[in-house]
Amino acid sequence: MKTIQPSESQPETPKGHYSPGIEHHGVVYVSGQLPMELETREPFTGSIEEQTELALRNVEHVLKPPAAI
């Protein structure tokens, strides 16, 4: 099992008592992500559509390899 952590050059991932992602036998499991601005670590309080977009961007941030960001 391999823990996935964004690289030091990427904006910080919101912290919690979990790993942002885990790879196990070729399957990647990503923890739930909040609509939080990675640069400021502040919750985003826009519309549900904007919050969903931001949460999915945060999932994408976990899944992309460091060189791709």
C-alpha atoms as a PDB file:
ATOM      1  CA  MET A   1       0.000   0.000   0.000  1.00  0.00           C
ATOM      2  CA  LYS A   2       1.391   3.382  -1.014  1.00  0.00           C
ATOM      3  CA  THR A   3       0.247   6.689   0.486  1.00  0.00           C
ATOM      4  CA  ILE A   4      -0.216   9.470  -2.063  1.00  0.00           C
ATOM      5  CA  GLN A   5       0.920  12.900  -0.899  1.00  0.00           C
ATOM      6  CA  PRO A   6       1.158  15.964  -3.159  1.00  0.00           C
ATOM      7  CA  SER A   7       4.751  17.150  -3.634  1.00  0.00           C
ATOM      8  CA  GLU A   8       6.305  20.048  -1.753  1.00  0.00           C
ATOM      9  CA  SER A   9       6.027  22.276  -4.860  1.00  0.00           C
ATOM     10  CA  GLN A  10       2.236  21.925  -4.960  1.00  0.00           C
ATOM     11  CA  PRO A  11      -0.103  23.996  -2.790  1.00  0.00           C
ATOM     12  CA  GLU A  12      -0.839  22.380   0.556  1.00  0.00           C
ATOM     13  CA  THR A  13      -3.553  19.760   0.736  1.00  0.00           C
ATOM     14  CA  PRO A  14      -6.104  20.308   3.492  1.00  0.00           C
ATOM     15  CA  LYS A  15      -4.933  18.415   6.560  1.00  0.00           C
ATOM     16  CA  GLY A  16      -6.950  15.926   8.525  1.00  0.00           C
ATOM     17  CA  HIS A  17      -6.650  12.555  10.169  1.00  0.00           C
ATOM     18  CA  TYR A  18      -6.462  10.779   6.831  1.00  0.00           C
ATOM     19  CA  SER A  19      -4.251  10.338   3.808  1.00  0.00           C
ATOM     20  CA  PRO A  20      -5.270  12.314   0.719  1.00  0.00           C
ATOM     21  CA  GLY A  21      -4.958   9.118  -1.302  1.00  0.00           C
ATOM     22  CA  ILE A  22      -3.843   5.492  -1.082  1.00  0.00           C
ATOM     23  CA  GLU A  23      -2.773   3.178  -3.909  1.00  0.00           C
ATOM     24  CA  HIS A  24      -3.230  -0.524  -3.203  1.00  0.00           C
ATOM     25  CA  HIS A  25      -2.769  -3.255  -5.822  1.00  0.00           C
ATOM     26  CA  GLY A  26      -3.212  -0.785  -8.678  1.00  0.00           C
ATOM     27  CA  VAL A  27      -6.383   0.819  -7.291  1.00  0.00           C
ATOM     28  CA  VAL A  28      -6.315   4.417  -6.028  1.00  0.00           C
ATOM     29  CA  TYR A  29      -8.586   5.386  -3.141  1.00  0.00           C
ATOM     30  CA  VAL A  30      -9.044   9.128  -2.570  1.00  0.00           C
ATOM     31  CA  SER A  31     -10.440  10.536   0.651  1.00  0.00           C
ATOM     32  CA  GLY A  32     -13.319  12.964   0.550  1.00  0.00           C
ATOM     33  CA  GLN A  33     -12.296  16.497  -0.289  1.00  0.00           C
ATOM     34  CA  LEU A  34     -13.957  19.686   0.871  1.00  0.00           C
ATOM     35  CA  PRO A  35     -14.626  22.858  -1.136  1.00  0.00           C
ATOM     36  CA  MET A  36     -11.552  24.500   0.385  1.00  0.00           C
ATOM     37  CA  GLU A  37      -9.090  26.856  -1.274  1.00  0.00           C
ATOM     38  CA  LEU A  38      -5.727  25.030  -1.155  1.00  0.00           C
ATOM     39  CA  GLU A  39      -3.678  28.221  -1.048  1.00  0.00           C
ATOM     40  CA  THR A  40      -5.532  29.827   1.878  1.00  0.00           C
ATOM     41  CA  ARG A  41      -6.989  26.675   3.496  1.00  0.00           C
ATOM     42  CA  GLU A  42     -10.236  28.611   3.916  1.00  0.00           C
ATOM     43  CA  PRO A  43     -13.644  27.051   3.239  1.00  0.00           C
ATOM     44  CA  PHE A  44     -15.342  28.268   0.073  1.00  0.00           C
ATOM     45  CA  THR A  45     -18.936  29.423   0.553  1.00  0.00           C
ATOM     46  CA  GLY A  46     -20.158  29.984  -3.014  1.00  0.00           C
ATOM     47  CA  SER A  47     -23.016  28.221  -4.786  1.00  0.00           C
ATOM     48  CA  ILE A  48     -23.349  24.430  -4.654  1.00  0.00           C
ATOM     49  CA  GLU A  49     -22.094  24.271  -8.245  1.00  0.00           C
ATOM     50  CA  GLU A  50     -18.966  26.274  -7.356  1.00  0.00           C
ATOM     51  CA  GLN A  51     -18.364  24.207  -4.206  1.00  0.00           C
ATOM     52  CA  THR A  52     -18.686  20.966  -6.201  1.00  0.00           C
ATOM     53  CA  GLU A  53     -16.249  22.229  -8.844  1.00  0.00           C
ATOM     54  CA  LEU A  54     -13.692  23.177  -6.181  1.00  0.00           C
ATOM     55  CA  ALA A  55     -14.034  19.858  -4.319  1.00  0.00           C
ATOM     56  CA  LEU A  56     -13.477  17.958  -7.586  1.00  0.00           C
ATOM     57  CA  ARG A  57     -10.437  20.122  -8.390  1.00  0.00           C
ATOM     58  CA  ASN A  58      -9.072  19.161  -4.970  1.00  0.00           C
ATOM     59  CA  VAL A  59      -9.543  15.457  -5.859  1.00  0.00           C
ATOM     60  CA  GLU A  60      -7.758  16.115  -9.162  1.00  0.00           C
ATOM     61  CA  HIS A  61      -4.906  17.729  -7.198  1.00  0.00           C
ATOM     62  CA  VAL A  62      -4.433  14.486  -5.249  1.00  0.00           C
ATOM     63  CA  LEU A  63      -4.550  12.292  -8.374  1.00  0.00           C
ATOM     64  CA  LYS A  64      -2.185  14.262 -10.635  1.00  0.00           C
ATOM     65  CA  PRO A  65       1.495  13.339 -10.488  1.00  0.00           C
ATOM     66  CA  PRO A  66       3.714  16.168  -9.136  1.00  0.00           C
ATOM     67  CA  ALA A  67       5.294  16.898 -12.558  1.00  0.00           C
ATOM     68  CA  ALA A  68       1.841  17.416 -14.130  1.00  0.00           C
ATOM     69  CA  ILE A  69       0.860  20.339 -11.896  1.00  0.00           C
END
